[in-house]
PDB file of N, CA and C in Angstrom:
ATOM      1  N   UNK A   1       0.841  -1.182   0.000  1.00  0.00           N
ATOM      2  CA  UNK A   1       0.000   0.000   0.000  1.00  0.00           C
ATOM      3  C   UNK A   1       0.884   1.242   0.000  1.00  0.00           C
ATOM      4  N   UNK A   2       0.584   2.162  -0.890  1.00  0.00           N
ATOM      5  CA  UNK A   2       1.348   3.400  -0.991  1.00  0.00           C
ATOM      6  C   UNK A   2       0.437   4.598  -0.739  1.00  0.00           C
ATOM      7  N   UNK A   3       1.025   5.645  -0.191  1.00  0.00           N
ATOM      8  CA  UNK A   3       0.342   6.934  -0.075  1.00  0.00           C
ATOM      9  C   UNK A   3       0.647   7.706  -1.347  1.00  0.00           C
ATOM     10  N   UNK A   4      -0.400   8.005  -2.117  1.00  0.00           N
ATOM     11  CA  UNK A   4      -0.250   8.615  -3.430  1.00  0.00           C
ATOM     12  C   UNK A   4      -0.871   9.999  -3.425  1.00  0.00           C
ATOM     13  N   UNK A   5      -0.137  10.964  -3.939  1.00  0.00           N
ATOM     14  CA  UNK A   5      -0.680  12.306  -4.139  1.00  0.00           C
ATOM     15  C   UNK A   5      -0.908  12.502  -5.625  1.00  0.00           C
ATOM     16  N   UNK A   6      -2.147  12.841  -5.987  1.00  0.00           N
ATOM     17  CA  UNK A   6      -2.493  13.147  -7.370  1.00  0.00           C
ATOM     18  C   UNK A   6      -2.619  14.653  -7.485  1.00  0.00           C
ATOM     19  N   UNK A   7      -1.912  15.233  -8.461  1.00  0.00           N
ATOM     20  CA  UNK A   7      -1.954  16.678  -8.694  1.00  0.00           C
ATOM     21  C   UNK A   7      -2.457  16.902 -10.109  1.00  0.00           C
ATOM     22  N   UNK A   8      -3.668  17.442 -10.220  1.00  0.00           N
ATOM     23  CA  UNK A   8      -4.262  17.684 -11.538  1.00  0.00           C
ATOM     24  C   UNK A   8      -5.269  18.814 -11.400  1.00  0.00           C
ATOM     25  N   UNK A   9      -5.193  19.806 -12.277  1.00  0.00           N
ATOM     26  CA  UNK A   9      -6.086  20.961 -12.181  1.00  0.00           C
ATOM     27  C   UNK A   9      -7.518  20.649 -12.601  1.00  0.00           C
ATOM     28  N   UNK A  10      -7.750  19.516 -13.219  1.00  0.00           N
ATOM     29  CA  UNK A  10      -9.115  19.086 -13.542  1.00  0.00           C
ATOM     30  C   UNK A  10      -9.637  18.265 -12.370  1.00  0.00           C
ATOM     31  N   UNK A  11     -10.548  18.836 -11.628  1.00  0.00           N
ATOM     32  CA  UNK A  11     -11.066  18.183 -10.415  1.00  0.00           C
ATOM     33  C   UNK A  11     -11.635  16.793 -10.693  1.00  0.00           C
ATOM     34  N   UNK A  12     -12.312  16.636 -11.822  1.00  0.00           N
ATOM     35  CA  UNK A  12     -12.909  15.341 -12.144  1.00  0.00           C
ATOM     36  C   UNK A  12     -11.836  14.283 -12.353  1.00  0.00           C
ATOM     37  N   UNK A  13     -10.787  14.641 -13.076  1.00  0.00           N
ATOM     38  CA  UNK A  13      -9.682  13.706 -13.302  1.00  0.00           C
ATOM     39  C   UNK A  13      -9.019  13.354 -11.982  1.00  0.00           C
ATOM     40  N   UNK A  14      -8.789  14.355 -11.172  1.00  0.00           N
ATOM     41  CA  UNK A  14      -8.150  14.155  -9.871  1.00  0.00           C
ATOM     42  C   UNK A  14      -8.980  13.186  -9.019  1.00  0.00           C
ATOM     43  N   UNK A  15     -10.275  13.446  -8.924  1.00  0.00           N
ATOM     44  CA  UNK A  15     -11.152  12.608  -8.105  1.00  0.00           C
ATOM     45  C   UNK A  15     -11.217  11.186  -8.653  1.00  0.00           C
ATOM     46  N   UNK A  16     -11.261  11.040  -9.980  1.00  0.00           N
ATOM     47  CA  UNK A  16     -11.304   9.722 -10.597  1.00  0.00           C
ATOM     48  C   UNK A  16     -10.047   8.918 -10.277  1.00  0.00           C
ATOM     49  N   UNK A  17      -8.883   9.539 -10.424  1.00  0.00           N
ATOM     50  CA  UNK A  17      -7.634   8.835 -10.125  1.00  0.00           C
ATOM     51  C   UNK A  17      -7.556   8.458  -8.659  1.00  0.00           C
ATOM     52  N   UNK A  18      -7.988   9.338  -7.781  1.00  0.00           N
ATOM     53  CA  UNK A  18      -7.982   9.022  -6.349  1.00  0.00           C
ATOM     54  C   UNK A  18      -8.855   7.800  -6.081  1.00  0.00           C
ATOM     55  N   UNK A  19     -10.048   7.782  -6.642  1.00  0.00           N
ATOM     56  CA  UNK A  19     -10.935   6.621  -6.446  1.00  0.00           C
ATOM     57  C   UNK A  19     -10.286   5.339  -6.964  1.00  0.00           C
ATOM     58  N   UNK A  20      -9.664   5.418  -8.126  1.00  0.00           N
ATOM     59  CA  UNK A  20      -9.057   4.221  -8.713  1.00  0.00           C
ATOM     60  C   UNK A  20      -7.871   3.722  -7.875  1.00  0.00           C
ATOM     61  N   UNK A  21      -7.023   4.636  -7.421  1.00  0.00           N
ATOM     62  CA  UNK A  21      -5.902   4.212  -6.567  1.00  0.00           C
ATOM     63  C   UNK A  21      -6.425   3.622  -5.256  1.00  0.00           C
ATOM     64  N   UNK A  22      -7.436   4.249  -4.663  1.00  0.00           N
ATOM     65  CA  UNK A  22      -8.005   3.741  -3.410  1.00  0.00           C
ATOM     66  C   UNK A  22      -8.609   2.353  -3.602  1.00  0.00           C
ATOM     67  N   UNK A  23      -9.292   2.122  -4.714  1.00  0.00           N
ATOM     68  CA  UNK A  23      -9.882   0.804  -4.991  1.00  0.00           C
ATOM     69  C   UNK A  23      -8.818  -0.280  -5.123  1.00  0.00           C
ATOM     70  N   UNK A  24      -7.621   0.124  -5.508  1.00  0.00           N
ATOM     71  CA  UNK A  24      -6.522  -0.833  -5.654  1.00  0.00           C
ATOM     72  C   UNK A  24      -5.764  -1.039  -4.341  1.00  0.00           C
ATOM     73  N   UNK A  25      -6.257  -0.446  -3.251  1.00  0.00           N
ATOM     74  CA  UNK A  25      -5.653  -0.657  -1.942  1.00  0.00           C
ATOM     75  C   UNK A  25      -4.657   0.394  -1.508  1.00  0.00           C
ATOM     76  N   UNK A  26      -4.505   1.432  -2.289  1.00  0.00           N
ATOM     77  CA  UNK A  26      -3.596   2.508  -1.918  1.00  0.00           C
ATOM     78  C   UNK A  26      -4.391   3.615  -1.240  1.00  0.00           C
ATOM     79  N   UNK A  27      -3.697   4.538  -0.614  1.00  0.00           N
ATOM     80  CA  UNK A  27      -4.343   5.685   0.009  1.00  0.00           C
ATOM     81  C   UNK A  27      -3.959   6.897  -0.825  1.00  0.00           C
ATOM     82  N   UNK A  28      -4.939   7.499  -1.473  1.00  0.00           N
ATOM     83  CA  UNK A  28      -4.656   8.603  -2.394  1.00  0.00           C
ATOM     84  C   UNK A  28      -5.353   9.872  -1.937  1.00  0.00           C
ATOM     85  N   UNK A  29      -4.694  10.982  -2.229  1.00  0.00           N
ATOM     86  CA  UNK A  29      -5.242  12.311  -1.966  1.00  0.00           C
ATOM     87  C   UNK A  29      -5.077  13.128  -3.233  1.00  0.00           C
ATOM     88  N   UNK A  30      -5.826  14.217  -3.311  1.00  0.00           N
ATOM     89  CA  UNK A  30      -5.836  15.037  -4.518  1.00  0.00           C
ATOM     90  C   UNK A  30      -5.671  16.503  -4.165  1.00  0.00           C
ATOM     91  N   UNK A  31      -4.864  17.190  -4.949  1.00  0.00           N
ATOM     92  CA  UNK A  31      -4.802  18.650  -4.935  1.00  0.00           C
ATOM     93  C   UNK A  31      -4.884  19.113  -6.380  1.00  0.00           C
ATOM     94  N   UNK A  32      -5.370  20.339  -6.577  1.00  0.00           N
ATOM     95  CA  UNK A  32      -5.673  20.769  -7.946  1.00  0.00           C
ATOM     96  C   UNK A  32      -4.772  21.875  -8.476  1.00  0.00           C
ATOM     97  N   UNK A  33      -3.661  22.149  -7.809  1.00  0.00           N
ATOM     98  CA  UNK A  33      -2.698  23.086  -8.387  1.00  0.00           C
ATOM     99  C   UNK A  33      -1.314  22.851  -7.794  1.00  0.00           C
ATOM    100  N   UNK A  34      -0.321  23.398  -8.471  1.00  0.00           N
ATOM    101  CA  UNK A  34       1.060  23.171  -8.083  1.00  0.00           C
ATOM    102  C   UNK A  34       1.418  23.701  -6.710  1.00  0.00           C
ATOM    103  N   UNK A  35       0.948  24.863  -6.368  1.00  0.00           N
ATOM    104  CA  UNK A  35       1.255  25.431  -5.042  1.00  0.00           C
ATOM    105  C   UNK A  35       0.637  24.595  -3.926  1.00  0.00           C
ATOM    106  N   UNK A  36      -0.577  24.105  -4.155  1.00  0.00           N
ATOM    107  CA  UNK A  36      -1.216  23.233  -3.165  1.00  0.00           C
ATOM    108  C   UNK A  36      -0.426  21.932  -3.016  1.00  0.00           C
ATOM    109  N   UNK A  37       0.139  21.438  -4.110  1.00  0.00           N
ATOM    110  CA  UNK A  37       0.958  20.225  -4.042  1.00  0.00           C
ATOM    111  C   UNK A  37       2.181  20.444  -3.163  1.00  0.00           C
ATOM    112  N   UNK A  38       2.844  21.577  -3.344  1.00  0.00           N
ATOM    113  CA  UNK A  38       4.029  21.861  -2.534  1.00  0.00           C
ATOM    114  C   UNK A  38       3.672  22.037  -1.067  1.00  0.00           C
ATOM    115  N   UNK A  39       2.540  22.656  -0.796  1.00  0.00           N
ATOM    116  CA  UNK A  39       2.072  22.798   0.589  1.00  0.00           C
ATOM    117  C   UNK A  39       1.751  21.428   1.188  1.00  0.00           C
ATOM    118  N   UNK A  40       1.096  20.587   0.421  1.00  0.00           N
ATOM    119  CA  UNK A  40       0.738  19.247   0.881  1.00  0.00           C
ATOM    120  C   UNK A  40       1.990  18.469   1.289  1.00  0.00           C
ATOM    121  N   UNK A  41       3.012  18.467   0.442  1.00  0.00           N
ATOM    122  CA  UNK A  41       4.205  17.667   0.735  1.00  0.00           C
ATOM    123  C   UNK A  41       5.023  18.247   1.879  1.00  0.00           C
ATOM    124  N   UNK A  42       4.809  19.514   2.217  1.00  0.00           N
ATOM    125  CA  UNK A  42       5.470  20.077   3.404  1.00  0.00           C
ATOM    126  C   UNK A  42       4.879  19.477   4.684  1.00  0.00           C
ATOM    127  N   UNK A  43       3.592  19.131   4.626  1.00  0.00           N
ATOM    128  CA  UNK A  43       2.899  18.572   5.790  1.00  0.00           C
ATOM    129  C   UNK A  43       3.016  17.063   5.878  1.00  0.00           C
ATOM    130  N   UNK A  44       2.966  16.387   4.745  1.00  0.00           N
ATOM    131  CA  UNK A  44       2.987  14.919   4.721  1.00  0.00           C
ATOM    132  C   UNK A  44       3.626  14.471   3.413  1.00  0.00           C
ATOM    133  N   UNK A  45       4.738  13.791   3.511  1.00  0.00           N
ATOM    134  CA  UNK A  45       5.441  13.352   2.311  1.00  0.00           C
ATOM    135  C   UNK A  45       4.801  12.068   1.780  1.00  0.00           C
ATOM    136  N   UNK A  46       4.262  12.107   0.565  1.00  0.00           N
ATOM    137  CA  UNK A  46       3.666  10.891  -0.013  1.00  0.00           C
ATOM    138  C   UNK A  46       4.754   9.921  -0.460  1.00  0.00           C
ATOM    139  N   UNK A  47       4.324   8.687  -0.731  1.00  0.00           N
ATOM    140  CA  UNK A  47       5.252   7.685  -1.265  1.00  0.00           C
ATOM    141  C   UNK A  47       5.433   7.845  -2.770  1.00  0.00           C
ATOM    142  N   UNK A  48       4.429   8.442  -3.422  1.00  0.00           N
ATOM    143  CA  UNK A  48       4.434   8.550  -4.879  1.00  0.00           C
ATOM    144  C   UNK A  48       3.561   9.731  -5.277  1.00  0.00           C
ATOM    145  N   UNK A  49       3.978  10.442  -6.334  1.00  0.00           N
ATOM    146  CA  UNK A  49       3.210  11.587  -6.818  1.00  0.00           C
ATOM    147  C   UNK A  49       2.893  11.405  -8.298  1.00  0.00           C
ATOM    148  N   UNK A  50       1.618  11.586  -8.635  1.00  0.00           N
ATOM    149  CA  UNK A  50       1.169  11.641 -10.023  1.00  0.00           C
ATOM    150  C   UNK A  50       0.944  13.113 -10.312  1.00  0.00           C
ATOM    151  N   UNK A  51       1.731  13.672 -11.229  1.00  0.00           N
ATOM    152  CA  UNK A  51       1.797  15.118 -11.416  1.00  0.00           C
ATOM    153  C   UNK A  51       1.419  15.525 -12.832  1.00  0.00           C
ATOM    154  N   UNK A  52       0.287  16.197 -12.952  1.00  0.00           N
ATOM    155  CA  UNK A  52      -0.147  16.713 -14.248  1.00  0.00           C
ATOM    156  C   UNK A  52       0.898  17.704 -14.755  1.00  0.00           C
ATOM    157  N   UNK A  53       1.167  17.675 -16.042  1.00  0.00           N
ATOM    158  CA  UNK A  53       2.145  18.583 -16.623  1.00  0.00           C
ATOM    159  C   UNK A  53       1.549  19.958 -16.913  1.00  0.00           C
ATOM    160  N   UNK A  54       0.423  19.986 -17.586  1.00  0.00           N
ATOM    161  CA  UNK A  54      -0.154  21.270 -18.019  1.00  0.00           C
ATOM    162  C   UNK A  54      -1.179  21.758 -17.005  1.00  0.00           C
ATOM    163  N   UNK A  55      -0.725  22.676 -16.164  1.00  0.00           N
ATOM    164  CA  UNK A  55      -1.597  23.309 -15.180  1.00  0.00           C
ATOM    165  C   UNK A  55      -1.358  24.807 -15.250  1.00  0.00           C
ATOM    166  N   UNK A  56      -2.390  25.599 -14.979  1.00  0.00           N
ATOM    167  CA  UNK A  56      -2.198  27.047 -14.990  1.00  0.00           C
ATOM    168  C   UNK A  56      -1.354  27.476 -13.788  1.00  0.00           C
ATOM    169  N   UNK A  57      -0.780  28.640 -13.894  1.00  0.00           N
ATOM    170  CA  UNK A  57      -0.028  29.247 -12.800  1.00  0.00           C
ATOM    171  C   UNK A  57       1.330  28.584 -12.594  1.00  0.00           C
ATOM    172  N   UNK A  58       1.351  27.355 -12.130  1.00  0.00           N
ATOM    173  CA  UNK A  58       2.601  26.637 -11.875  1.00  0.00           C
ATOM    174  C   UNK A  58       2.488  25.257 -12.514  1.00  0.00           C
ATOM    175  N   UNK A  59       3.197  25.044 -13.625  1.00  0.00           N
ATOM    176  CA  UNK A  59       3.058  23.760 -14.317  1.00  0.00           C
ATOM    177  C   UNK A  59       3.785  22.635 -13.583  1.00  0.00           C
ATOM    178  N   UNK A  60       3.552  21.420 -14.049  1.00  0.00           N
ATOM    179  CA  UNK A  60       4.103  20.256 -13.381  1.00  0.00           C
ATOM    180  C   UNK A  60       5.615  20.229 -13.308  1.00  0.00           C
ATOM    181  N   UNK A  61       6.289  20.710 -14.325  1.00  0.00           N
ATOM    182  CA  UNK A  61       7.758  20.693 -14.274  1.00  0.00           C
ATOM    183  C   UNK A  61       8.302  21.703 -13.279  1.00  0.00           C
ATOM    184  N   UNK A  62       7.600  22.819 -13.070  1.00  0.00           N
ATOM    185  CA  UNK A  62       8.002  23.770 -12.021  1.00  0.00           C
ATOM    186  C   UNK A  62       7.823  23.125 -10.651  1.00  0.00           C
ATOM    187  N   UNK A  63       6.739  22.391 -10.477  1.00  0.00           N
ATOM    188  CA  UNK A  63       6.518  21.670  -9.222  1.00  0.00           C
ATOM    189  C   UNK A  63       7.610  20.621  -9.038  1.00  0.00           C
ATOM    190  N   UNK A  64       7.912  19.877 -10.088  1.00  0.00           N
ATOM    191  CA  UNK A  64       8.946  18.847 -10.027  1.00  0.00           C
ATOM    192  C   UNK A  64      10.300  19.452  -9.647  1.00  0.00           C
ATOM    193  N   UNK A  65      10.619  20.583 -10.225  1.00  0.00           N
ATOM    194  CA  UNK A  65      11.875  21.261  -9.897  1.00  0.00           C
ATOM    195  C   UNK A  65      11.939  21.582  -8.398  1.00  0.00           C
ATOM    196  N   UNK A  66      10.844  22.084  -7.854  1.00  0.00           N
ATOM    197  CA  UNK A  66      10.787  22.399  -6.420  1.00  0.00           C
ATOM    198  C   UNK A  66      10.904  21.135  -5.569  1.00  0.00           C
ATOM    199  N   UNK A  67      10.222  20.078  -5.976  1.00  0.00           N
ATOM    200  CA  UNK A  67      10.293  18.821  -5.230  1.00  0.00           C
ATOM    201  C   UNK A  67      11.721  18.292  -5.190  1.00  0.00           C
ATOM    202  N   UNK A  68      12.391  18.335  -6.323  1.00  0.00           N
ATOM    203  CA  UNK A  68      13.758  17.811  -6.397  1.00  0.00           C
ATOM    204  C   UNK A  68      14.757  18.689  -5.637  1.00  0.00           C
ATOM    205  N   UNK A  69      14.421  19.937  -5.416  1.00  0.00           N
ATOM    206  CA  UNK A  69      15.315  20.858  -4.715  1.00  0.00           C
ATOM    207  C   UNK A  69      15.244  20.727  -3.190  1.00  0.00           C
ATOM    208  N   UNK A  70      14.194  20.090  -2.687  1.00  0.00           N
ATOM    209  CA  UNK A  70      14.004  19.962  -1.240  1.00  0.00           C
ATOM    210  C   UNK A  70      14.494  18.601  -0.749  1.00  0.00           C
ATOM    211  N   UNK A  71      15.312  18.567   0.302  1.00  0.00           N
ATOM    212  CA  UNK A  71      15.832  17.282   0.792  1.00  0.00           C
ATOM    213  C   UNK A  71      14.742  16.278   1.176  1.00  0.00           C
ATOM    214  N   UNK A  72      13.625  16.752   1.704  1.00  0.00           N
ATOM    215  CA  UNK A  72      12.572  15.837   2.153  1.00  0.00           C
ATOM    216  C   UNK A  72      11.783  15.219   1.005  1.00  0.00           C
ATOM    217  N   UNK A  73      11.827  15.838  -0.171  1.00  0.00           N
ATOM    218  CA  UNK A  73      11.044  15.322  -1.300  1.00  0.00           C
ATOM    219  C   UNK A  73      11.900  14.977  -2.513  1.00  0.00           C
ATOM    220  N   UNK A  74      13.193  15.163  -2.420  1.00  0.00           N
ATOM    221  CA  UNK A  74      14.069  14.947  -3.574  1.00  0.00           C
ATOM    222  C   UNK A  74      13.989  13.524  -4.117  1.00  0.00           C
ATOM    223  N   UNK A  75      13.752  12.563  -3.249  1.00  0.00           N
ATOM    224  CA  UNK A  75      13.744  11.164  -3.688  1.00  0.00           C
ATOM    225  C   UNK A  75      12.341  10.591  -3.877  1.00  0.00           C
ATOM    226  N   UNK A  76      11.304  11.385  -3.655  1.00  0.00           N
ATOM    227  CA  UNK A  76       9.938  10.883  -3.830  1.00  0.00           C
ATOM    228  C   UNK A  76       9.703  10.622  -5.318  1.00  0.00           C
ATOM    229  N   UNK A  77       9.297   9.408  -5.674  1.00  0.00           N
ATOM    230  CA  UNK A  77       9.047   9.109  -7.084  1.00  0.00           C
ATOM    231  C   UNK A  77       7.879   9.932  -7.637  1.00  0.00           C
ATOM    232  N   UNK A  78       8.080  10.434  -8.864  1.00  0.00           N
ATOM    233  CA  UNK A  78       7.074  11.263  -9.525  1.00  0.00           C
ATOM    234  C   UNK A  78       6.836  10.740 -10.932  1.00  0.00           C
ATOM    235  N   UNK A  79       5.556  10.522 -11.251  1.00  0.00           N
ATOM    236  CA  UNK A  79       5.159  10.221 -12.625  1.00  0.00           C
ATOM    237  C   UNK A  79       4.481  11.457 -13.175  1.00  0.00           C
ATOM    238  N   UNK A  80       5.029  12.012 -14.237  1.00  0.00           N
ATOM    239  CA  UNK A  80       4.400  13.148 -14.901  1.00  0.00           C
ATOM    240  C   UNK A  80       3.257  12.586 -15.735  1.00  0.00           C
ATOM    241  N   UNK A  81       2.073  13.166 -15.551  1.00  0.00           N
ATOM    242  CA  UNK A  81       0.839  12.715 -16.197  1.00  0.00           C
ATOM    243  C   UNK A  81       0.455  13.780 -17.214  1.00  0.00           C
ATOM    244  N   UNK A  82       0.473  13.422 -18.491  1.00  0.00           N
ATOM    245  CA  UNK A  82       0.378  14.445 -19.523  1.00  0.00           C
ATOM    246  C   UNK A  82      -0.422  14.004 -20.750  1.00  0.00           C
ATOM    247  N   UNK A  83      -0.922  14.972 -21.454  1.00  0.00           N
ATOM    248  CA  UNK A  83      -1.569  14.721 -22.743  1.00  0.00           C
ATOM    249  C   UNK A  83      -0.545  14.759 -23.876  1.00  0.00           C
ATOM    250  N   UNK A  84       0.675  15.163 -23.589  1.00  0.00           N
ATOM    251  CA  UNK A  84       1.731  15.281 -24.596  1.00  0.00           C
ATOM    252  C   UNK A  84       2.270  13.896 -24.922  1.00  0.00           C
ATOM    253  N   UNK A  85       2.060  13.441 -26.144  1.00  0.00           N
ATOM    254  CA  UNK A  85       2.471  12.100 -26.551  1.00  0.00           C
ATOM    255  C   UNK A  85       3.759  12.103 -27.374  1.00  0.00           C
ATOM    256  N   UNK A  86       4.571  13.098 -27.190  1.00  0.00           N
ATOM    257  CA  UNK A  86       5.815  13.238 -27.935  1.00  0.00           C
ATOM    258  C   UNK A  86       6.963  12.578 -27.163  1.00  0.00           C
ATOM    259  N   UNK A  87       7.679  11.615 -27.758  1.00  0.00           N
ATOM    260  CA  UNK A  87       8.792  10.967 -27.062  1.00  0.00           C
ATOM    261  C   UNK A  87       9.860  11.955 -26.590  1.00  0.00           C
ATOM    262  N   UNK A  88       9.993  13.074 -27.290  1.00  0.00           N
ATOM    263  CA  UNK A  88      10.963  14.088 -26.845  1.00  0.00           C
ATOM    264  C   UNK A  88      10.560  14.686 -25.514  1.00  0.00           C
ATOM    265  N   UNK A  89       9.248  14.797 -25.268  1.00  0.00           N
ATOM    266  CA  UNK A  89       8.794  15.313 -23.978  1.00  0.00           C
ATOM    267  C   UNK A  89       9.162  14.350 -22.855  1.00  0.00           C
ATOM    268  N   UNK A  90       9.045  13.053 -23.120  1.00  0.00           N
ATOM    269  CA  UNK A  90       9.408  12.074 -22.090  1.00  0.00           C
ATOM    270  C   UNK A  90      10.875  12.239 -21.694  1.00  0.00           C
ATOM    271  N   UNK A  91      11.746  12.401 -22.658  1.00  0.00           N
ATOM    272  CA  UNK A  91      13.166  12.619 -22.369  1.00  0.00           C
ATOM    273  C   UNK A  91      13.341  13.902 -21.579  1.00  0.00           C
ATOM    274  N   UNK A  92      12.660  14.949 -22.002  1.00  0.00           N
ATOM    275  CA  UNK A  92      12.716  16.250 -21.341  1.00  0.00           C
ATOM    276  C   UNK A  92      12.295  16.123 -19.871  1.00  0.00           C
ATOM    277  N   UNK A  93      11.165  15.451 -19.623  1.00  0.00           N
ATOM    278  CA  UNK A  93      10.657  15.305 -18.252  1.00  0.00           C
ATOM    279  C   UNK A  93      11.590  14.442 -17.406  1.00  0.00           C
ATOM    280  N   UNK A  94      12.090  13.366 -17.970  1.00  0.00           N
ATOM    281  CA  UNK A  94      13.006  12.497 -17.220  1.00  0.00           C
ATOM    282  C   UNK A  94      14.309  13.232 -16.897  1.00  0.00           C
ATOM    283  N   UNK A  95      14.787  14.032 -17.828  1.00  0.00           N
ATOM    284  CA  UNK A  95      15.999  14.813 -17.584  1.00  0.00           C
ATOM    285  C   UNK A  95      15.825  15.808 -16.439  1.00  0.00           C
ATOM    286  N   UNK A  96      14.595  16.160 -16.137  1.00  0.00           N
ATOM    287  CA  UNK A  96      14.298  17.104 -15.074  1.00  0.00           C
ATOM    288  C   UNK A  96      13.857  16.422 -13.780  1.00  0.00           C
ATOM    289  N   UNK A  97      13.956  15.096 -13.752  1.00  0.00           N
ATOM    290  CA  UNK A  97      13.725  14.378 -12.510  1.00  0.00           C
ATOM    291  C   UNK A  97      12.505  13.498 -12.431  1.00  0.00           C
ATOM    292  N   UNK A  98      11.718  13.400 -13.494  1.00  0.00           N
ATOM    293  CA  UNK A  98      10.557  12.509 -13.470  1.00  0.00           C
ATOM    294  C   UNK A  98      11.027  11.056 -13.486  1.00  0.00           C
ATOM    295  N   UNK A  99      10.399  10.227 -12.693  1.00  0.00           N
ATOM    296  CA  UNK A  99      10.710   8.806 -12.685  1.00  0.00           C
ATOM    297  C   UNK A  99      10.012   8.077 -13.824  1.00  0.00           C
ATOM    298  N   UNK A 100       8.883   8.629 -14.261  1.00  0.00           N
ATOM    299  CA  UNK A 100       8.120   8.016 -15.335  1.00  0.00           C
ATOM    300  C   UNK A 100       7.259   9.100 -15.976  1.00  0.00           C
ATOM    301  N   UNK A 101       6.789   8.826 -17.177  1.00  0.00           N
ATOM    302  CA  UNK A 101       5.876   9.733 -17.888  1.00  0.00           C
ATOM    303  C   UNK A 101       4.697   8.912 -18.344  1.00  0.00           C
ATOM    304  N   UNK A 102       3.501   9.335 -17.942  1.00  0.00           N
ATOM    305  CA  UNK A 102       2.269   8.641 -18.294  1.00  0.00           C
ATOM    306  C   UNK A 102       1.465   9.514 -19.241  1.00  0.00           C
ATOM    307  N   UNK A 103       1.190   9.013 -20.427  1.00  0.00           N
ATOM    308  CA  UNK A 103       0.397   9.751 -21.416  1.00  0.00           C
ATOM    309  C   UNK A 103      -1.075   9.425 -21.167  1.00  0.00           C
ATOM    310  N   UNK A 104      -1.853  10.449 -20.910  1.00  0.00           N
ATOM    311  CA  UNK A 104      -3.250  10.287 -20.503  1.00  0.00           C
ATOM    312  C   UNK A 104      -4.060   9.423 -21.452  1.00  0.00           C
ATOM    313  N   UNK A 105      -3.901   9.605 -22.740  1.00  0.00           N
ATOM    314  CA  UNK A 105      -4.733   8.892 -23.709  1.00  0.00           C
ATOM    315  C   UNK A 105      -4.360   7.418 -23.851  1.00  0.00           C
ATOM    316  N   UNK A 106      -3.202   7.031 -23.343  1.00  0.00           N
ATOM    317  CA  UNK A 106      -2.758   5.670 -23.622  1.00  0.00           C
ATOM    318  C   UNK A 106      -2.439   4.832 -22.387  1.00  0.00           C
ATOM    319  N   UNK A 107      -2.802   5.302 -21.200  1.00  0.00           N
ATOM    320  CA  UNK A 107      -2.501   4.515 -20.006  1.00  0.00           C
ATOM    321  C   UNK A 107      -3.771   4.332 -19.182  1.00  0.00           C
ATOM    322  N   UNK A 108      -3.964   3.109 -18.728  1.00  0.00           N
ATOM    323  CA  UNK A 108      -5.097   2.794 -17.866  1.00  0.00           C
ATOM    324  C   UNK A 108      -4.638   2.618 -16.435  1.00  0.00           C
ATOM    325  N   UNK A 109      -5.590   2.482 -15.539  1.00  0.00           N
ATOM    326  CA  UNK A 109      -5.251   2.389 -14.120  1.00  0.00           C
ATOM    327  C   UNK A 109      -4.395   1.167 -13.812  1.00  0.00           C
ATOM    328  N   UNK A 110      -4.637   0.041 -14.477  1.00  0.00           N
ATOM    329  CA  UNK A 110      -3.817  -1.144 -14.205  1.00  0.00           C
ATOM    330  C   UNK A 110      -2.359  -0.902 -14.571  1.00  0.00           C
ATOM    331  N   UNK A 111      -2.124  -0.240 -15.703  1.00  0.00           N
ATOM    332  CA  UNK A 111      -0.748   0.104 -16.084  1.00  0.00           C
ATOM    333  C   UNK A 111      -0.142   1.090 -15.094  1.00  0.00           C
ATOM    334  N   UNK A 112      -0.935   2.057 -14.660  1.00  0.00           N
ATOM    335  CA  UNK A 112      -0.440   3.019 -13.669  1.00  0.00           C
ATOM    336  C   UNK A 112       0.007   2.313 -12.395  1.00  0.00           C
ATOM    337  N   UNK A 113      -0.851   1.436 -11.899  1.00  0.00           N
ATOM    338  CA  UNK A 113      -0.544   0.710 -10.660  1.00  0.00           C
ATOM    339  C   UNK A 113       0.709  -0.136 -10.841  1.00  0.00           C
ATOM    340  N   UNK A 114       0.776  -0.861 -11.941  1.00  0.00           N
ATOM    341  CA  UNK A 114       1.933  -1.718 -12.204  1.00  0.00           C
ATOM    342  C   UNK A 114       3.223  -0.895 -12.281  1.00  0.00           C
ATOM    343  N   UNK A 115       3.182   0.199 -13.006  1.00  0.00           N
ATOM    344  CA  UNK A 115       4.388   1.020 -13.162  1.00  0.00           C
ATOM    345  C   UNK A 115       4.766   1.688 -11.849  1.00  0.00           C
ATOM    346  N   UNK A 116       3.772   2.158 -11.089  1.00  0.00           N
ATOM    347  CA  UNK A 116       4.047   2.766  -9.795  1.00  0.00           C
ATOM    348  C   UNK A 116       4.689   1.742  -8.860  1.00  0.00           C
ATOM    349  N   UNK A 117       4.107   0.555  -8.795  1.00  0.00           N
ATOM    350  CA  UNK A 117       4.646  -0.467  -7.894  1.00  0.00           C
ATOM    351  C   UNK A 117       6.055  -0.890  -8.287  1.00  0.00           C
ATOM    352  N   UNK A 118       6.330  -0.929  -9.598  1.00  0.00           N
ATOM    353  CA  UNK A 118       7.686  -1.258 -10.061  1.00  0.00           C
ATOM    354  C   UNK A 118       8.683  -0.183  -9.619  1.00  0.00           C
ATOM    355  N   UNK A 119       8.285   1.065  -9.733  1.00  0.00           N
ATOM    356  CA  UNK A 119       9.172   2.170  -9.312  1.00  0.00           C
ATOM    357  C   UNK A 119       9.384   2.116  -7.808  1.00  0.00           C
ATOM    358  N   UNK A 120       8.328   1.885  -7.046  1.00  0.00           N
ATOM    359  CA  UNK A 120       8.451   1.847  -5.589  1.00  0.00           C
ATOM    360  C   UNK A 120       9.301   0.676  -5.116  1.00  0.00           C
ATOM    361  N   UNK A 121       9.291  -0.420  -5.864  1.00  0.00           N
ATOM    362  CA  UNK A 121      10.073  -1.601  -5.489  1.00  0.00           C
ATOM    363  C   UNK A 121      11.548  -1.464  -5.816  1.00  0.00           C
ATOM    364  N   UNK A 122      11.882  -0.545  -6.691  1.00  0.00           N
ATOM    365  CA  UNK A 122      13.286  -0.398  -7.126  1.00  0.00           C
ATOM    366  C   UNK A 122      14.170   0.172  -6.034  1.00  0.00           C
TER     367      UNK A 122
END
């Protein structure tokens, strides 16, 4: 069982992912913007973060940069969750500290769980 933080500015997507992670036996929480994500991790460090890339105000890579800069969150695994299906973006995100990149249109909850558990086991 992992504590998962889902960060997505679309409330419906956020709530859906939380329900799906919870149904799989994990404990998931949701925040809907980058600043709220940083505040959340200051209070409670999750085991894994699913981080939307395209968010207003503070995008996912800005959040990732902040997470990697803090000693308490530098090693927390992060999957960037994006609509961008360009392989160059995956390289870009990984170069900036993402552990994985999940393309919204092509990944289901079972794949998410499997990939998250593989990262957590490493």
